[in-house]
Amino acid sequence: MEKNQPHQIETISEFHKLLGLPSPEHPLISVIEIGPFEEIPAGFAGSVLYGFYNISLKKNFKSPVKVKYGQQVYDFDEGVLSFMSPGQITGFAPQKYSSPDQSGWMLLIHPDFMWNTALTNKIKQYPFFDYSVNEALFLSDKEEATLMQIIGNISQEYHNNLDKFTHDIIITQLESLLNYSERFYERQFLTRRITNHQILDRLNQELVSYFDDVDITEKGLPSVSYLAGQLHVSSDYLSGLLKTLTGLTTQQHIHEKLIEKAKQQLSTTNLSVSEIAYKLGFEHPQSFSKLFKSKTNQSPLAFREAFN
């Protein structure tokens, strides 16, 4: 493996082996309880790329425990629920630690376990698998109890003798876990209003600054990923947050601010529609006119004539 290349852990059995655990009772799914341990296993130091889903609840992981996701480092000072999908890179900072109160669990699911079920495609639609680690879900005691009951049901099925019902029962419980998690994220978007409204305010400032930039003709229209990067959140998290707070996705916010700027240009300048389109980052004036009409039910020229 080349230097700085992530260590790949393709199977759940390999994950167990690195932790010094017995082989999983099922090769495609495992429930692991997290307890105190003194040192991060060598196989998890640095960057790690998983070949399976990892849903984890970690409690009382005090500093200096650090988990890395991409280029971000996050301290688990509170109990949080995090989601990682196959192909994501994560890992632990290589340092010793000891926290006797730390606890939690990991639910590992290989994509093949969901083969030929509704979850095969549906699991890809849950946006939180693409959130960054600092966008983890902070659970209330009641929410945690709900998820613990579900994970207990999965664990019971996992440890029981496998029969023809086991797979379907686990799939049902897993879907329930994911649906509750989506509900709890909606709650988090609303209850963390100060932080989230600060993100909304910063987004509006970014858009105003972007559309006022003299270089916008060269840069083109702002993308969702660009704005998310400027705000230091993931694209899916930003859109989910905005959808809950305002009813609009990030792309719709971009369009709203663009139309606002276009109306200003149409009503206060003598620039042609084509010139305004180029100044707003459009390569083709026709695309600008089409978007403007879809948002206002008027063409740019009709808006200008009605305004004047």
Protein backbone atom coordinates (compact mmCIF):
# COMPACT_ATOMS: atom_id res chain seq x y z
CA MET A 1 0.00 0.00 0.00
CA GLU A 2 1.36 3.44 -0.99
CA LYS A 3 2.15 5.97 1.67
CA ASN A 4 -0.91 8.02 2.74
CA GLN A 5 -3.22 5.62 0.91
CA PRO A 6 -6.21 4.55 3.06
CA HIS A 7 -6.23 1.04 4.49
CA GLN A 8 -9.09 -0.90 2.91
CA ILE A 9 -11.31 -3.09 5.08
CA GLU A 10 -13.54 -4.88 2.62
CA THR A 11 -15.28 -7.43 4.84
CA ILE A 12 -16.91 -7.49 8.25
CA SER A 13 -14.81 -10.53 9.14
CA GLU A 14 -11.66 -8.48 8.55
CA PHE A 15 -13.06 -5.72 10.76
CA HIS A 16 -13.63 -8.25 13.56
CA LYS A 17 -10.12 -9.61 13.16
CA LEU A 18 -8.55 -6.15 13.45
CA LEU A 19 -10.47 -5.58 16.68
CA GLY A 20 -9.38 -8.95 18.03
CA LEU A 21 -12.97 -10.22 18.09
CA PRO A 22 -14.29 -13.68 17.20
CA SER A 23 -15.52 -14.13 13.65
CA PRO A 24 -18.99 -12.64 13.08
CA GLU A 25 -21.91 -15.03 13.38
CA HIS A 26 -23.02 -13.87 9.94
CA PRO A 27 -20.49 -12.74 7.31
CA LEU A 28 -22.71 -9.89 6.06
CA ILE A 29 -23.94 -8.30 9.29
CA SER A 30 -22.65 -7.78 12.81
CA VAL A 31 -23.57 -5.96 16.01
CA ILE A 32 -20.56 -4.96 18.11
CA GLU A 33 -20.74 -3.47 21.58
CA ILE A 34 -18.21 -0.72 22.23
CA GLY A 35 -16.52 -0.67 25.62
CA PRO A 36 -13.43 0.91 27.14
CA PHE A 37 -10.16 0.10 25.39
CA GLU A 38 -6.70 1.47 25.97
CA GLU A 39 -5.26 1.82 22.49
CA ILE A 40 -6.54 2.12 18.95
CA PRO A 41 -5.78 -1.10 17.04
CA ALA A 42 -2.97 -0.59 14.53
CA GLY A 43 -5.22 -1.43 11.58
CA PHE A 44 -7.44 1.56 12.35
CA ALA A 45 -4.69 4.17 12.69
CA GLY A 46 -4.70 6.70 9.89
CA SER A 47 -7.25 6.58 7.07
CA VAL A 48 -9.56 3.61 6.60
CA LEU A 49 -11.90 2.85 3.70
CA TYR A 50 -14.77 0.47 4.47
CA GLY A 51 -16.57 -1.88 2.09
CA PHE A 52 -19.76 -1.92 4.18
CA TYR A 53 -22.20 0.33 6.06
CA ASN A 54 -21.31 1.33 9.62
CA ILE A 55 -23.95 2.84 11.93
CA SER A 56 -22.41 3.74 15.29
CA LEU A 57 -23.58 5.18 18.58
CA LYS A 58 -20.70 6.42 20.71
CA LYS A 59 -21.14 7.74 24.25
CA ASN A 60 -18.68 9.40 26.63
CA PHE A 61 -15.77 9.34 24.19
CA LYS A 62 -13.79 12.08 25.89
CA SER A 63 -10.78 13.83 24.43
CA PRO A 64 -8.19 13.00 23.26
CA VAL A 65 -10.22 10.46 21.27
CA LYS A 66 -10.47 11.83 17.75
CA VAL A 67 -12.18 10.41 14.71
CA LYS A 68 -11.26 11.68 11.26
CA TYR A 69 -13.65 11.98 8.34
CA GLY A 70 -11.94 13.20 5.19
CA GLN A 71 -9.92 16.22 6.29
CA GLN A 72 -12.08 16.94 9.35
CA VAL A 73 -11.28 15.86 12.91
CA TYR A 74 -14.07 15.54 15.45
CA ASP A 75 -14.02 14.97 19.21
CA PHE A 76 -16.74 12.64 20.47
CA ASP A 77 -17.37 14.47 23.76
CA GLU A 78 -21.06 13.54 23.67
CA GLY A 79 -23.08 10.55 22.58
CA VAL A 80 -23.72 10.77 18.85
CA LEU A 81 -25.06 8.58 16.09
CA SER A 82 -23.00 8.52 12.90
CA PHE A 83 -23.50 6.87 9.53
CA MET A 84 -20.86 5.74 7.07
CA SER A 85 -21.42 4.05 3.73
CA PRO A 86 -19.13 1.89 1.59
CA GLY A 87 -16.38 3.91 -0.04
CA GLN A 88 -16.21 6.61 2.62
CA ILE A 89 -12.84 7.28 4.19
CA THR A 90 -12.55 7.59 7.95
CA GLY A 91 -10.12 6.59 10.68
CA PHE A 92 -8.75 7.27 14.13
CA ALA A 93 -5.92 9.51 15.18
CA PRO A 94 -3.04 7.25 16.34
CA GLN A 95 -2.98 8.02 20.05
CA LYS A 96 -3.55 6.17 23.31
CA TYR A 97 -6.47 6.98 25.54
CA SER A 98 -8.56 5.60 28.34
CA SER A 99 -12.16 6.42 29.19
CA PRO A 100 -13.83 3.92 31.52
CA ASP A 101 -17.30 5.31 30.82
CA GLN A 102 -17.20 5.07 27.04
CA SER A 103 -19.79 2.78 25.52
CA GLY A 104 -22.00 2.26 22.52
CA TRP A 105 -22.46 -0.09 19.61
CA MET A 106 -21.68 -0.54 15.95
CA LEU A 107 -24.03 -2.06 13.40
CA LEU A 108 -22.12 -3.27 10.35
CA ILE A 109 -24.07 -4.23 7.22
CA HIS A 110 -22.55 -5.38 3.96
CA PRO A 111 -24.50 -4.26 0.86
CA ASP A 112 -24.95 -7.91 -0.15
CA PHE A 113 -27.11 -8.48 2.95
CA MET A 114 -29.76 -6.19 1.42
CA TRP A 115 -29.59 -7.76 -2.03
CA ASN A 116 -33.01 -8.37 -3.57
CA THR A 117 -34.82 -6.30 -0.92
CA ALA A 118 -36.40 -2.84 -1.08
CA LEU A 119 -33.50 -1.50 0.99
CA THR A 120 -31.01 -2.21 -1.82
CA ASN A 121 -31.87 1.10 -3.44
CA LYS A 122 -33.73 2.83 -0.62
CA ILE A 123 -30.70 2.93 1.69
CA LYS A 124 -28.94 5.13 -0.87
CA GLN A 125 -31.74 7.67 -0.55
CA TYR A 126 -31.14 8.36 3.15
CA PRO A 127 -29.10 11.58 2.97
CA PHE A 128 -27.30 11.19 6.30
CA PHE A 129 -24.96 8.53 4.89
CA ASP A 130 -23.35 11.40 2.98
CA TYR A 131 -23.12 13.76 5.95
CA SER A 132 -19.75 14.62 7.44
CA VAL A 133 -18.80 13.36 10.89
CA ASN A 134 -19.36 16.79 12.44
CA GLU A 135 -22.95 16.53 11.21
CA ALA A 136 -23.67 13.46 13.33
CA LEU A 137 -27.03 13.02 15.05
CA PHE A 138 -27.18 14.08 18.70
CA LEU A 139 -29.87 12.00 20.38
CA SER A 140 -32.16 12.85 23.26
CA ASP A 141 -32.54 10.20 25.97
CA LYS A 142 -35.94 9.22 24.57
CA GLU A 143 -34.63 8.96 21.02
CA GLU A 144 -31.66 6.92 22.19
CA ALA A 145 -33.97 4.51 24.02
CA THR A 146 -36.02 4.05 20.84
CA LEU A 147 -32.96 3.18 18.77
CA MET A 148 -31.50 0.98 21.49
CA GLN A 149 -34.67 -1.11 21.45
CA ILE A 150 -34.38 -1.56 17.68
CA ILE A 151 -30.68 -2.44 17.83
CA GLY A 152 -31.54 -4.88 20.63
CA ASN A 153 -34.04 -6.58 18.34
CA ILE A 154 -31.45 -6.82 15.57
CA SER A 155 -28.86 -8.15 18.00
CA GLN A 156 -31.27 -10.77 19.30
CA GLU A 157 -31.99 -12.01 15.79
CA TYR A 158 -28.29 -11.91 14.94
CA HIS A 159 -27.32 -14.06 17.92
CA ASN A 160 -30.23 -16.50 17.66
CA ASN A 161 -30.09 -19.59 15.50
CA LEU A 162 -30.65 -18.43 11.94
CA ASP A 163 -33.87 -19.53 10.27
CA LYS A 164 -35.87 -18.50 7.21
CA PHE A 165 -37.41 -15.52 9.04
CA THR A 166 -34.19 -14.01 10.38
CA HIS A 167 -33.16 -12.07 7.30
CA ASP A 168 -36.56 -10.45 6.72
CA ILE A 169 -36.92 -9.51 10.39
CA ILE A 170 -33.50 -7.85 10.46
CA ILE A 171 -34.21 -5.97 7.23
CA THR A 172 -37.50 -4.68 8.72
CA GLN A 173 -35.75 -3.58 11.91
CA LEU A 174 -32.95 -1.91 9.92
CA GLU A 175 -35.43 0.07 7.85
CA SER A 176 -37.18 1.13 11.06
CA LEU A 177 -33.83 2.29 12.49
CA LEU A 178 -33.13 4.38 9.40
CA ASN A 179 -36.61 5.90 9.33
CA TYR A 180 -36.40 6.91 12.98
CA SER A 181 -32.96 8.38 12.34
CA GLU A 182 -34.37 10.49 9.51
CA ARG A 183 -37.13 11.72 11.84
CA PHE A 184 -34.61 12.59 14.56
CA TYR A 185 -32.46 14.52 12.08
CA GLU A 186 -35.53 16.60 11.22
CA ARG A 187 -35.89 17.35 14.94
CA GLN A 188 -32.20 18.29 15.16
CA PHE A 189 -32.52 20.74 12.28
CA LEU A 190 -35.34 22.48 14.16
CA THR A 191 -34.04 22.38 17.73
CA ARG A 192 -30.57 23.68 16.83
CA ARG A 193 -32.15 26.79 15.41
CA ILE A 194 -29.46 29.30 16.36
CA THR A 195 -26.65 27.34 14.71
CA ASN A 196 -28.76 26.41 11.72
CA HIS A 197 -30.05 29.94 11.15
CA GLN A 198 -26.47 31.14 11.28
CA ILE A 199 -25.75 28.76 8.39
CA LEU A 200 -28.78 30.15 6.55
CA ASP A 201 -27.57 33.72 7.09
CA ARG A 202 -24.09 32.81 5.89
CA LEU A 203 -25.57 31.13 2.80
CA ASN A 204 -27.45 34.31 1.91
CA GLN A 205 -24.27 36.35 2.40
CA GLU A 206 -22.33 33.94 0.19
CA LEU A 207 -24.93 34.19 -2.56
CA VAL A 208 -25.06 38.00 -2.42
CA SER A 209 -21.28 38.16 -2.57
CA TYR A 210 -21.12 35.62 -5.41
CA PHE A 211 -23.66 37.40 -7.64
CA ASP A 212 -21.97 40.76 -6.96
CA ASP A 213 -18.56 39.38 -7.99
CA VAL A 214 -17.21 40.95 -11.16
CA ASP A 215 -15.63 37.60 -12.06
CA ILE A 216 -18.94 35.70 -12.09
CA THR A 217 -18.88 35.64 -15.90
CA GLU A 218 -15.73 33.55 -15.72
CA LYS A 219 -16.82 31.39 -12.77
CA GLY A 220 -20.34 30.60 -13.94
CA LEU A 221 -23.29 29.88 -11.66
CA PRO A 222 -22.54 28.72 -8.10
CA SER A 223 -22.97 25.00 -7.50
CA VAL A 224 -24.46 23.36 -4.42
CA SER A 225 -21.13 21.66 -3.67
CA TYR A 226 -19.29 24.99 -3.90
CA LEU A 227 -21.63 26.67 -1.41
CA ALA A 228 -21.52 23.69 0.95
CA GLY A 229 -17.73 23.87 0.86
CA GLN A 230 -17.79 27.57 1.69
CA LEU A 231 -20.05 26.83 4.67
CA HIS A 232 -17.99 23.78 5.76
CA VAL A 233 -20.90 21.33 5.61
CA SER A 234 -21.75 18.51 3.24
CA SER A 235 -24.06 19.16 0.28
CA ASP A 236 -26.77 16.78 1.49
CA TYR A 237 -26.69 18.14 5.03
CA LEU A 238 -27.05 21.70 3.76
CA SER A 239 -30.00 20.85 1.52
CA GLY A 240 -31.69 18.84 4.30
CA LEU A 241 -31.23 21.67 6.79
CA LEU A 242 -32.55 24.30 4.38
CA LYS A 243 -35.50 22.14 3.37
CA THR A 244 -36.54 21.84 7.01
CA LEU A 245 -36.01 25.52 7.87
CA THR A 246 -37.33 27.15 4.69
CA GLY A 247 -39.00 24.51 2.55
CA LEU A 248 -36.41 25.12 -0.18
CA THR A 249 -33.36 23.10 -1.23
CA THR A 250 -29.96 24.70 -1.74
CA GLN A 251 -30.51 24.77 -5.51
CA GLN A 252 -33.81 26.56 -5.02
CA HIS A 253 -32.08 29.12 -2.76
CA ILE A 254 -29.54 29.73 -5.52
CA HIS A 255 -32.35 30.31 -8.00
CA GLU A 256 -34.25 32.60 -5.60
CA LYS A 257 -31.21 34.82 -5.09
CA LEU A 258 -30.42 34.76 -8.82
CA ILE A 259 -33.97 35.88 -9.74
CA GLU A 260 -33.82 38.59 -7.09
CA LYS A 261 -30.58 39.89 -8.61
CA ALA A 262 -31.99 39.62 -12.13
CA LYS A 263 -35.07 41.67 -11.20
CA GLN A 264 -32.80 44.32 -9.75
CA GLN A 265 -30.76 44.47 -12.97
CA LEU A 266 -33.86 44.52 -15.18
CA SER A 267 -35.51 47.32 -13.21
CA THR A 268 -32.54 49.60 -12.51
CA THR A 269 -30.24 49.27 -15.55
CA ASN A 270 -30.43 49.53 -19.31
CA LEU A 271 -28.46 46.32 -19.82
CA SER A 272 -29.91 43.94 -22.36
CA VAL A 273 -31.29 40.58 -21.27
CA SER A 274 -28.26 38.88 -22.79
CA GLU A 275 -25.87 41.16 -20.91
CA ILE A 276 -27.69 40.49 -17.63
CA ALA A 277 -27.60 36.75 -18.31
CA TYR A 278 -23.81 36.82 -18.82
CA LYS A 279 -23.33 39.00 -15.73
CA LEU A 280 -25.21 36.38 -13.68
CA GLY A 281 -22.99 33.54 -14.86
CA PHE A 282 -25.08 32.06 -17.69
CA GLU A 283 -23.33 30.83 -20.80
CA HIS A 284 -26.53 31.03 -22.83
CA PRO A 285 -29.11 33.85 -22.48
CA GLN A 286 -31.85 31.41 -23.47
CA SER A 287 -31.20 29.37 -20.32
CA PHE A 288 -31.52 32.50 -18.18
CA SER A 289 -34.79 33.52 -19.86
CA LYS A 290 -36.23 30.03 -19.44
CA LEU A 291 -35.36 29.93 -15.73
CA PHE A 292 -36.66 33.46 -15.15
CA LYS A 293 -39.99 32.64 -16.77
CA SER A 294 -40.34 29.38 -14.83
CA LYS A 295 -39.87 31.27 -11.56
CA THR A 296 -41.91 34.41 -12.31
CA ASN A 297 -44.36 33.40 -15.07
CA GLN A 298 -42.94 36.30 -17.09
CA SER A 299 -40.14 36.66 -19.57
CA PRO A 300 -37.35 39.07 -18.56
CA LEU A 301 -38.55 41.60 -21.17
CA ALA A 302 -42.17 41.34 -19.99
CA PHE A 303 -41.02 41.93 -16.41
CA ARG A 304 -39.04 45.03 -17.47
CA GLU A 305 -41.95 46.43 -19.47
CA ALA A 306 -44.43 45.80 -16.64
CA PHE A 307 -42.08 47.39 -14.13
CA ASN A 308 -41.59 50.48 -16.23
